[in-house]
Amino acid sequence: MNIIIDDLQGHAIQALLQAHLTDMNTTAPAASVHALDLTELQHHSVTFWSIWDQHQLAGCGAIKYLTTTSAEIKSMRTSDNFRAQGVASQLLQHIITHAKTHGYQQLYLETGSMDFFAPSRALYTKHGFIECPPFADYQPDPHSTFMTLDLLA
């Protein structure tokens, strides 16, 4: 697998992100969907990666700068053909390493609280994330689970 910083210009990555947005919009009320669109993912405060198996897109993920010591994981998604093959774990470890290398002390994320998101919550828990209160501009939401990872621990 090869992880690269992605410029979001390719058809494959745009299709994967559209599938991600579609799933988010069908599993939660609009006010509870916090996925970033293509334009928001291209903001200078976001670093976006894709992971490839030769020429096949296996998944994607991003980190969004919050403060000088904290960042948020965004847009984690595994391509359907690569589910349950360790792609998300590999990409998440890459993002955690990047965050530590860049001096972040805390990583945060928001994911759904519904059954659809149980595999995501299990992935994050496996990598040391724990539930936390809403962070940044988030408000309490029964459709959201907020998680954090202390990078200094």
N, C-alpha and C. Protein backbone atom coordinates (compact mmCIF):
# COMPACT_ATOMS: atom_id res chain seq x y z
N MET A 1 0.84 -1.18 0.00
CA MET A 1 0.00 0.00 0.00
C MET A 1 0.88 1.24 0.00
N ASN A 2 0.43 2.25 -0.70
CA ASN A 2 1.16 3.50 -0.81
C ASN A 2 0.25 4.65 -0.38
N ILE A 3 0.67 5.42 0.62
CA ILE A 3 -0.11 6.56 1.11
C ILE A 3 0.50 7.84 0.56
N ILE A 4 -0.32 8.67 -0.06
CA ILE A 4 0.16 9.93 -0.64
C ILE A 4 -0.73 11.09 -0.19
N ILE A 5 -0.13 12.28 -0.17
CA ILE A 5 -0.95 13.49 -0.03
C ILE A 5 -1.66 13.66 -1.36
N ASP A 6 -2.96 13.82 -1.31
CA ASP A 6 -3.79 13.82 -2.52
C ASP A 6 -4.31 15.22 -2.79
N ASP A 7 -4.28 15.63 -4.05
CA ASP A 7 -4.77 16.96 -4.43
C ASP A 7 -6.28 16.97 -4.71
N LEU A 8 -6.92 15.83 -4.58
CA LEU A 8 -8.37 15.69 -4.74
C LEU A 8 -8.86 15.97 -6.16
N GLN A 9 -7.99 15.84 -7.13
CA GLN A 9 -8.37 16.12 -8.51
C GLN A 9 -8.80 14.88 -9.28
N GLY A 10 -8.42 13.69 -8.81
CA GLY A 10 -8.70 12.47 -9.55
C GLY A 10 -10.15 12.02 -9.44
N HIS A 11 -10.60 11.34 -10.48
CA HIS A 11 -11.98 10.84 -10.52
C HIS A 11 -12.23 9.84 -9.40
N ALA A 12 -11.29 8.94 -9.16
CA ALA A 12 -11.49 7.89 -8.16
C ALA A 12 -11.70 8.48 -6.76
N ILE A 13 -10.88 9.45 -6.40
CA ILE A 13 -11.00 10.04 -5.06
C ILE A 13 -12.28 10.86 -4.96
N GLN A 14 -12.64 11.56 -6.00
CA GLN A 14 -13.88 12.33 -5.97
C GLN A 14 -15.10 11.41 -5.86
N ALA A 15 -15.06 10.27 -6.53
CA ALA A 15 -16.17 9.32 -6.44
C ALA A 15 -16.26 8.72 -5.03
N LEU A 16 -15.10 8.41 -4.42
CA LEU A 16 -15.11 7.86 -3.07
C LEU A 16 -15.65 8.89 -2.08
N LEU A 17 -15.26 10.13 -2.23
CA LEU A 17 -15.76 11.18 -1.34
C LEU A 17 -17.26 11.42 -1.54
N GLN A 18 -17.73 11.31 -2.76
CA GLN A 18 -19.17 11.46 -3.00
C GLN A 18 -19.94 10.31 -2.36
N ALA A 19 -19.41 9.11 -2.44
CA ALA A 19 -20.04 7.96 -1.78
C ALA A 19 -20.06 8.17 -0.26
N HIS A 20 -18.98 8.74 0.27
CA HIS A 20 -18.89 9.04 1.70
C HIS A 20 -19.99 10.03 2.09
N LEU A 21 -20.12 11.11 1.35
CA LEU A 21 -21.13 12.12 1.64
C LEU A 21 -22.55 11.54 1.51
N THR A 22 -22.77 10.71 0.51
CA THR A 22 -24.07 10.09 0.32
C THR A 22 -24.43 9.22 1.51
N ASP A 23 -23.48 8.39 1.96
CA ASP A 23 -23.72 7.55 3.14
C ASP A 23 -24.00 8.39 4.37
N MET A 24 -23.23 9.46 4.56
CA MET A 24 -23.44 10.29 5.74
C MET A 24 -24.83 10.92 5.71
N ASN A 25 -25.26 11.36 4.54
CA ASN A 25 -26.56 12.02 4.43
C ASN A 25 -27.73 11.05 4.51
N THR A 26 -27.50 9.75 4.30
CA THR A 26 -28.58 8.77 4.43
C THR A 26 -28.63 8.14 5.82
N THR A 27 -27.61 8.38 6.63
CA THR A 27 -27.59 7.76 7.96
C THR A 27 -27.86 8.73 9.10
N ALA A 28 -27.85 10.02 8.81
CA ALA A 28 -28.05 11.01 9.88
C ALA A 28 -28.84 12.20 9.36
N PRO A 29 -29.54 12.90 10.24
CA PRO A 29 -30.21 14.13 9.83
C PRO A 29 -29.17 15.15 9.32
N ALA A 30 -29.58 16.02 8.44
CA ALA A 30 -28.66 16.98 7.83
C ALA A 30 -27.85 17.77 8.85
N ALA A 31 -28.48 18.18 9.93
CA ALA A 31 -27.78 18.97 10.96
C ALA A 31 -26.72 18.17 11.69
N SER A 32 -26.76 16.85 11.55
CA SER A 32 -25.80 15.98 12.24
C SER A 32 -24.73 15.43 11.30
N VAL A 33 -24.72 15.87 10.05
CA VAL A 33 -23.71 15.43 9.09
C VAL A 33 -22.57 16.46 9.12
N HIS A 34 -21.40 15.99 9.52
CA HIS A 34 -20.25 16.89 9.67
C HIS A 34 -19.13 16.58 8.69
N ALA A 35 -19.42 15.78 7.66
CA ALA A 35 -18.43 15.46 6.64
C ALA A 35 -18.13 16.70 5.80
N LEU A 36 -16.86 16.88 5.47
CA LEU A 36 -16.45 18.01 4.65
C LEU A 36 -16.64 17.70 3.18
N ASP A 37 -17.04 18.71 2.41
CA ASP A 37 -17.16 18.51 0.97
C ASP A 37 -15.80 18.75 0.31
N LEU A 38 -15.73 18.57 -0.98
CA LEU A 38 -14.48 18.66 -1.72
C LEU A 38 -13.79 20.01 -1.52
N THR A 39 -14.54 21.09 -1.59
CA THR A 39 -13.97 22.43 -1.40
C THR A 39 -13.40 22.59 0.00
N GLU A 40 -14.13 22.13 1.01
CA GLU A 40 -13.66 22.25 2.39
C GLU A 40 -12.41 21.40 2.63
N LEU A 41 -12.32 20.25 1.96
CA LEU A 41 -11.15 19.39 2.11
C LEU A 41 -9.91 19.98 1.45
N GLN A 42 -10.10 20.95 0.54
CA GLN A 42 -8.98 21.59 -0.13
C GLN A 42 -8.49 22.84 0.62
N HIS A 43 -9.10 23.14 1.76
CA HIS A 43 -8.70 24.30 2.55
C HIS A 43 -7.28 24.10 3.09
N HIS A 44 -6.55 25.19 3.25
CA HIS A 44 -5.15 25.10 3.70
C HIS A 44 -5.00 24.51 5.10
N SER A 45 -6.07 24.46 5.87
CA SER A 45 -5.99 23.89 7.22
C SER A 45 -6.15 22.36 7.22
N VAL A 46 -6.32 21.77 6.05
CA VAL A 46 -6.55 20.33 5.93
C VAL A 46 -5.42 19.69 5.12
N THR A 47 -4.94 18.55 5.62
CA THR A 47 -4.04 17.69 4.85
C THR A 47 -4.82 16.43 4.55
N PHE A 48 -4.86 16.06 3.29
CA PHE A 48 -5.68 14.95 2.83
C PHE A 48 -4.80 13.88 2.19
N TRP A 49 -5.02 12.63 2.60
CA TRP A 49 -4.25 11.51 2.05
C TRP A 49 -5.17 10.50 1.38
N SER A 50 -4.63 9.82 0.40
CA SER A 50 -5.29 8.64 -0.15
C SER A 50 -4.30 7.48 -0.04
N ILE A 51 -4.85 6.28 0.03
CA ILE A 51 -4.03 5.08 0.13
C ILE A 51 -4.36 4.20 -1.07
N TRP A 52 -3.32 3.71 -1.72
CA TRP A 52 -3.46 3.00 -2.99
C TRP A 52 -2.82 1.63 -2.92
N ASP A 53 -3.46 0.67 -3.58
CA ASP A 53 -2.89 -0.65 -3.82
C ASP A 53 -2.61 -0.69 -5.31
N GLN A 54 -1.36 -0.42 -5.64
CA GLN A 54 -0.94 -0.22 -7.02
C GLN A 54 -1.76 0.92 -7.61
N HIS A 55 -2.68 0.64 -8.55
CA HIS A 55 -3.47 1.72 -9.18
C HIS A 55 -4.91 1.76 -8.68
N GLN A 56 -5.20 1.02 -7.61
CA GLN A 56 -6.56 0.99 -7.08
C GLN A 56 -6.63 1.81 -5.79
N LEU A 57 -7.60 2.70 -5.73
CA LEU A 57 -7.81 3.51 -4.54
C LEU A 57 -8.39 2.63 -3.44
N ALA A 58 -7.70 2.57 -2.31
CA ALA A 58 -8.13 1.72 -1.20
C ALA A 58 -8.85 2.51 -0.11
N GLY A 59 -8.57 3.81 -0.01
CA GLY A 59 -9.21 4.61 1.02
C GLY A 59 -8.66 6.00 1.10
N CYS A 60 -9.14 6.75 2.09
CA CYS A 60 -8.69 8.12 2.26
C CYS A 60 -8.91 8.56 3.70
N GLY A 61 -8.29 9.67 4.05
CA GLY A 61 -8.44 10.27 5.36
C GLY A 61 -7.76 11.62 5.38
N ALA A 62 -8.11 12.43 6.36
CA ALA A 62 -7.56 13.78 6.43
C ALA A 62 -7.36 14.19 7.88
N ILE A 63 -6.59 15.24 8.05
CA ILE A 63 -6.41 15.86 9.35
C ILE A 63 -6.65 17.36 9.16
N LYS A 64 -7.41 17.92 10.08
CA LYS A 64 -7.73 19.35 10.02
C LYS A 64 -7.14 20.03 11.24
N TYR A 65 -6.36 21.07 10.99
CA TYR A 65 -5.75 21.86 12.05
C TYR A 65 -6.85 22.53 12.87
N LEU A 66 -6.77 22.40 14.19
CA LEU A 66 -7.69 23.10 15.09
C LEU A 66 -6.95 24.20 15.86
N THR A 67 -5.87 23.82 16.52
CA THR A 67 -5.02 24.76 17.26
C THR A 67 -3.58 24.32 17.08
N THR A 68 -2.65 25.05 17.67
CA THR A 68 -1.25 24.65 17.54
C THR A 68 -0.96 23.30 18.17
N THR A 69 -1.85 22.83 19.04
CA THR A 69 -1.61 21.55 19.71
C THR A 69 -2.67 20.49 19.42
N SER A 70 -3.67 20.81 18.62
CA SER A 70 -4.73 19.82 18.38
C SER A 70 -5.20 19.84 16.93
N ALA A 71 -5.69 18.67 16.50
CA ALA A 71 -6.20 18.51 15.14
C ALA A 71 -7.35 17.52 15.17
N GLU A 72 -8.12 17.52 14.09
CA GLU A 72 -9.28 16.64 13.98
C GLU A 72 -9.12 15.73 12.77
N ILE A 73 -9.43 14.47 12.95
CA ILE A 73 -9.44 13.53 11.83
C ILE A 73 -10.76 13.70 11.08
N LYS A 74 -10.66 13.77 9.75
CA LYS A 74 -11.83 13.95 8.90
C LYS A 74 -11.79 12.94 7.74
N SER A 75 -12.95 12.66 7.21
CA SER A 75 -13.11 11.93 5.94
C SER A 75 -12.40 10.59 5.86
N MET A 76 -12.39 9.84 6.96
CA MET A 76 -11.84 8.48 6.90
C MET A 76 -12.84 7.61 6.13
N ARG A 77 -12.35 6.95 5.11
CA ARG A 77 -13.22 6.10 4.29
C ARG A 77 -12.39 5.02 3.62
N THR A 78 -12.89 3.81 3.63
CA THR A 78 -12.26 2.70 2.93
C THR A 78 -13.12 2.35 1.72
N SER A 79 -12.48 2.14 0.58
CA SER A 79 -13.21 1.71 -0.62
C SER A 79 -13.86 0.36 -0.36
N ASP A 80 -15.02 0.14 -0.93
CA ASP A 80 -15.78 -1.09 -0.69
C ASP A 80 -14.94 -2.35 -0.94
N ASN A 81 -14.13 -2.36 -1.99
CA ASN A 81 -13.34 -3.54 -2.34
C ASN A 81 -12.20 -3.82 -1.36
N PHE A 82 -11.93 -2.90 -0.44
CA PHE A 82 -10.80 -3.05 0.47
C PHE A 82 -11.23 -3.12 1.94
N ARG A 83 -12.51 -3.23 2.19
CA ARG A 83 -12.98 -3.30 3.58
C ARG A 83 -12.46 -4.56 4.26
N ALA A 84 -12.21 -4.44 5.57
CA ALA A 84 -11.75 -5.55 6.42
C ALA A 84 -10.40 -6.11 5.97
N GLN A 85 -9.55 -5.25 5.41
CA GLN A 85 -8.22 -5.67 4.99
C GLN A 85 -7.12 -4.85 5.68
N GLY A 86 -7.48 -4.06 6.68
CA GLY A 86 -6.48 -3.30 7.42
C GLY A 86 -6.13 -1.95 6.83
N VAL A 87 -6.83 -1.54 5.79
CA VAL A 87 -6.55 -0.26 5.13
C VAL A 87 -6.76 0.90 6.09
N ALA A 88 -7.89 0.92 6.78
CA ALA A 88 -8.20 2.03 7.68
C ALA A 88 -7.19 2.10 8.82
N SER A 89 -6.79 0.95 9.36
CA SER A 89 -5.79 0.95 10.43
C SER A 89 -4.46 1.52 9.95
N GLN A 90 -4.05 1.11 8.75
CA GLN A 90 -2.79 1.60 8.20
C GLN A 90 -2.84 3.12 7.99
N LEU A 91 -3.93 3.61 7.45
CA LEU A 91 -4.06 5.04 7.20
C LEU A 91 -4.18 5.81 8.52
N LEU A 92 -4.94 5.29 9.47
CA LEU A 92 -5.08 5.95 10.76
C LEU A 92 -3.72 6.03 11.46
N GLN A 93 -2.94 4.98 11.42
CA GLN A 93 -1.61 5.02 12.03
C GLN A 93 -0.74 6.07 11.35
N HIS A 94 -0.86 6.19 10.04
CA HIS A 94 -0.12 7.21 9.29
C HIS A 94 -0.51 8.61 9.76
N ILE A 95 -1.80 8.84 9.95
CA ILE A 95 -2.28 10.14 10.40
C ILE A 95 -1.81 10.43 11.82
N ILE A 96 -1.85 9.43 12.69
CA ILE A 96 -1.37 9.61 14.07
C ILE A 96 0.12 9.95 14.07
N THR A 97 0.90 9.25 13.29
CA THR A 97 2.34 9.53 13.19
C THR A 97 2.58 10.94 12.67
N HIS A 98 1.83 11.34 11.65
CA HIS A 98 1.94 12.70 11.10
C HIS A 98 1.64 13.73 12.20
N ALA A 99 0.58 13.50 12.95
CA ALA A 99 0.19 14.44 14.00
C ALA A 99 1.29 14.57 15.05
N LYS A 100 1.85 13.45 15.47
CA LYS A 100 2.93 13.49 16.46
C LYS A 100 4.15 14.22 15.90
N THR A 101 4.51 13.93 14.67
CA THR A 101 5.66 14.56 14.02
C THR A 101 5.49 16.07 13.91
N HIS A 102 4.26 16.52 13.76
CA HIS A 102 3.99 17.95 13.61
C HIS A 102 3.65 18.63 14.93
N GLY A 103 3.89 17.95 16.03
CA GLY A 103 3.78 18.57 17.34
C GLY A 103 2.40 18.65 17.94
N TYR A 104 1.43 17.96 17.33
CA TYR A 104 0.10 17.95 17.94
C TYR A 104 0.14 17.11 19.21
N GLN A 105 -0.62 17.52 20.20
CA GLN A 105 -0.70 16.79 21.46
C GLN A 105 -2.01 16.03 21.59
N GLN A 106 -3.01 16.44 20.82
CA GLN A 106 -4.34 15.85 20.93
C GLN A 106 -4.95 15.70 19.55
N LEU A 107 -5.52 14.54 19.29
CA LEU A 107 -6.31 14.32 18.08
C LEU A 107 -7.76 14.12 18.50
N TYR A 108 -8.66 14.66 17.72
CA TYR A 108 -10.09 14.53 17.97
C TYR A 108 -10.76 13.97 16.72
N LEU A 109 -11.96 13.48 16.90
CA LEU A 109 -12.78 13.09 15.76
C LEU A 109 -14.24 13.05 16.18
N GLU A 110 -15.09 13.15 15.18
CA GLU A 110 -16.54 12.99 15.37
C GLU A 110 -16.95 11.89 14.41
N THR A 111 -17.71 10.94 14.91
CA THR A 111 -18.28 9.89 14.07
C THR A 111 -19.71 9.65 14.52
N GLY A 112 -20.42 8.90 13.76
CA GLY A 112 -21.82 8.65 14.09
C GLY A 112 -21.99 7.74 15.28
N SER A 113 -23.14 7.87 15.94
CA SER A 113 -23.46 7.02 17.09
C SER A 113 -24.33 5.82 16.68
N MET A 114 -24.79 5.80 15.44
CA MET A 114 -25.68 4.74 14.98
C MET A 114 -24.90 3.45 14.70
N ASP A 115 -25.62 2.34 14.55
CA ASP A 115 -24.99 1.04 14.29
C ASP A 115 -24.11 1.07 13.04
N PHE A 116 -24.49 1.83 12.03
CA PHE A 116 -23.71 1.94 10.80
C PHE A 116 -22.26 2.29 11.10
N PHE A 117 -22.02 3.07 12.15
CA PHE A 117 -20.68 3.55 12.48
C PHE A 117 -19.95 2.70 13.51
N ALA A 118 -20.54 1.58 13.92
CA ALA A 118 -19.90 0.71 14.92
C ALA A 118 -18.50 0.26 14.49
N PRO A 119 -18.27 -0.12 13.22
CA PRO A 119 -16.91 -0.49 12.83
C PRO A 119 -15.92 0.69 12.97
N SER A 120 -16.38 1.89 12.69
CA SER A 120 -15.51 3.06 12.83
C SER A 120 -15.14 3.28 14.29
N ARG A 121 -16.13 3.23 15.15
CA ARG A 121 -15.86 3.42 16.58
C ARG A 121 -14.91 2.34 17.10
N ALA A 122 -15.09 1.11 16.63
CA ALA A 122 -14.20 0.01 17.05
C ALA A 122 -12.77 0.26 16.56
N LEU A 123 -12.62 0.74 15.34
CA LEU A 123 -11.29 1.06 14.81
C LEU A 123 -10.60 2.10 15.69
N TYR A 124 -11.30 3.18 15.98
CA TYR A 124 -10.70 4.25 16.77
C TYR A 124 -10.37 3.78 18.18
N THR A 125 -11.25 3.00 18.78
CA THR A 125 -10.99 2.47 20.12
C THR A 125 -9.76 1.56 20.10
N LYS A 126 -9.63 0.75 19.09
CA LYS A 126 -8.47 -0.15 18.94
C LYS A 126 -7.16 0.65 18.91
N HIS A 127 -7.22 1.87 18.39
CA HIS A 127 -6.03 2.71 18.27
C HIS A 127 -5.88 3.68 19.44
N GLY A 128 -6.66 3.48 20.50
CA GLY A 128 -6.47 4.25 21.72
C GLY A 128 -7.37 5.45 21.92
N PHE A 129 -8.27 5.71 20.99
CA PHE A 129 -9.20 6.82 21.15
C PHE A 129 -10.23 6.49 22.23
N ILE A 130 -10.64 7.50 22.96
CA ILE A 130 -11.69 7.35 23.96
C ILE A 130 -12.75 8.41 23.71
N GLU A 131 -13.96 8.13 24.18
CA GLU A 131 -15.04 9.10 24.02
C GLU A 131 -14.75 10.34 24.85
N CYS A 132 -15.21 11.49 24.35
CA CYS A 132 -15.00 12.76 25.02
C CYS A 132 -16.20 13.67 24.74
N PRO A 133 -16.27 14.81 25.43
CA PRO A 133 -17.33 15.77 25.12
C PRO A 133 -17.10 16.41 23.75
N PRO A 134 -18.11 17.08 23.23
CA PRO A 134 -17.91 17.80 21.97
C PRO A 134 -16.72 18.75 22.07
N PHE A 135 -16.04 18.95 20.96
CA PHE A 135 -14.85 19.79 20.91
C PHE A 135 -15.04 20.83 19.80
N ALA A 136 -14.12 21.76 19.74
CA ALA A 136 -14.15 22.84 18.73
C ALA A 136 -15.55 23.46 18.70
N ASP A 137 -16.18 23.51 17.53
CA ASP A 137 -17.50 24.15 17.39
C ASP A 137 -18.66 23.17 17.48
N TYR A 138 -18.37 21.90 17.76
CA TYR A 138 -19.44 20.91 17.85
C TYR A 138 -20.31 21.15 19.07
N GLN A 139 -21.56 20.76 18.94
CA GLN A 139 -22.53 20.82 20.03
C GLN A 139 -22.94 19.39 20.37
N PRO A 140 -23.43 19.14 21.58
CA PRO A 140 -23.94 17.80 21.88
C PRO A 140 -24.98 17.38 20.84
N ASP A 141 -24.89 16.11 20.42
CA ASP A 141 -25.77 15.62 19.37
C ASP A 141 -25.96 14.12 19.58
N PRO A 142 -27.19 13.65 19.71
CA PRO A 142 -27.40 12.22 19.93
C PRO A 142 -26.95 11.36 18.75
N HIS A 143 -26.73 11.96 17.58
CA HIS A 143 -26.29 11.22 16.41
C HIS A 143 -24.77 11.19 16.28
N SER A 144 -24.06 11.83 17.21
CA SER A 144 -22.60 11.92 17.14
C SER A 144 -21.94 11.26 18.34
N THR A 145 -20.78 10.68 18.08
CA THR A 145 -19.86 10.22 19.11
C THR A 145 -18.58 11.01 18.92
N PHE A 146 -18.10 11.64 19.97
CA PHE A 146 -16.88 12.42 19.93
C PHE A 146 -15.78 11.62 20.61
N MET A 147 -14.60 11.61 20.01
CA MET A 147 -13.50 10.82 20.54
C MET A 147 -12.21 11.63 20.49
N THR A 148 -11.26 11.24 21.36
CA THR A 148 -9.98 11.92 21.40
C THR A 148 -8.87 10.92 21.68
N LEU A 149 -7.66 11.31 21.28
CA LEU A 149 -6.45 10.52 21.53
C LEU A 149 -5.39 11.47 22.05
N ASP A 150 -4.86 11.18 23.23
CA ASP A 150 -3.77 11.96 23.81
C ASP A 150 -2.47 11.48 23.19
N LEU A 151 -1.83 12.32 22.40
CA LEU A 151 -0.61 11.93 21.69
C LEU A 151 0.63 11.99 22.57
N LEU A 152 0.49 12.50 23.77
CA LEU A 152 1.63 12.56 24.69
C LEU A 152 1.68 11.36 25.63
N ALA A 153 0.62 10.58 25.62
CA ALA A 153 0.53 9.42 26.54
C ALA A 153 1.44 8.30 26.08
